Amino acid sequence: MTLPHQPSSLPADRVSAPPTPSSRPSIFLACGMVAGPLFFLVFTIAGLVRPGYDPLRHPVSSLEFGPTGWVQALNFIVTGTLVTLFAWGVRSPVRLLGGGRTVPVLIMAVGLGLVGAGFFDPDPISGYPPGTPPIALQASLHRVLHDLFSTPVFTALPAACIVLARRFAKVRMIGWAVYSAISAALMVIFFVLSSIAFGQGLSALTLYGGLLQRLALGVGFAWLTILAAGLSLGFAGLWRGRSPARGLGSVQARSR
């Protein structure tokens, strides 16, 4: 015998409401907010208290030398781990912007590169540690590995800026698009200039190689931190199916 249809006692909006997302994405996004400030705080303090070290001239990686070098090595590893976790958490917001896996993969490459840089020391450069030549005549294996892991930090991060700049532009978030594009350009410029300085190719730049590298890192990690904060706070509506920006409305409409 067929029973008569019983109307649901739940309100209609509760029946059709999407499932509440886990709190884990927010934790992963918070890792992105912490990574940059922590990274800069540790290497800034380490550089100020290190005898013979000049932050304007010497690279951050040179802080891995000496008895206290483990501090910077650990700084690389912890920061890289935080960035990698952030890459995992950024997947859903990027999908709502119409993107795919490119941005998470690029950011994850940055994180893994930082972790690898913490396990392999560079060679002495620009006269640090004191008494060493300006540049090693023959690169050691650990320096080659250090440079290999460090490369994504200065290449994959601006690439992620470019990719997201295009996504932001397509959903009419012009401010974010312009900021991301400018960040990518500045990071590449400062990275190229710092590479020339550390290669001792131009004496006028050699004295400021450390500053130029810090500017490149500062621009990149500032973008990463602000992006994480925006996704966690300003774009909180993404997790609830509501768009705080008019341009995201069409994206979410297509995702339903």
Foldseek 3Di string as FASTA:
>chain_A
DDDDDDDDPDDPCVVPFDDFDDCLLLVLLVLLQPLQVLLCVQLVVLQVPDPPHDLQFDASLLCLDDPPNLSNLVSLLSSLVSQLSNLVSCQLVCVLLVDHNLLSVLSNLLSQLSNQLSVAGADDACCPPPPDDNDDPDGDPSNVSNCVSNVSNLPSLLVSLQVVLVSCVQLPVNVSNVLSNVLSVLLNVLVVLLVCLRVVVDVVSNSRSSVSNVSSSVSSSVNSNVVSVCVNPVQVCSSRLDGPDNSSVVSSVVVD
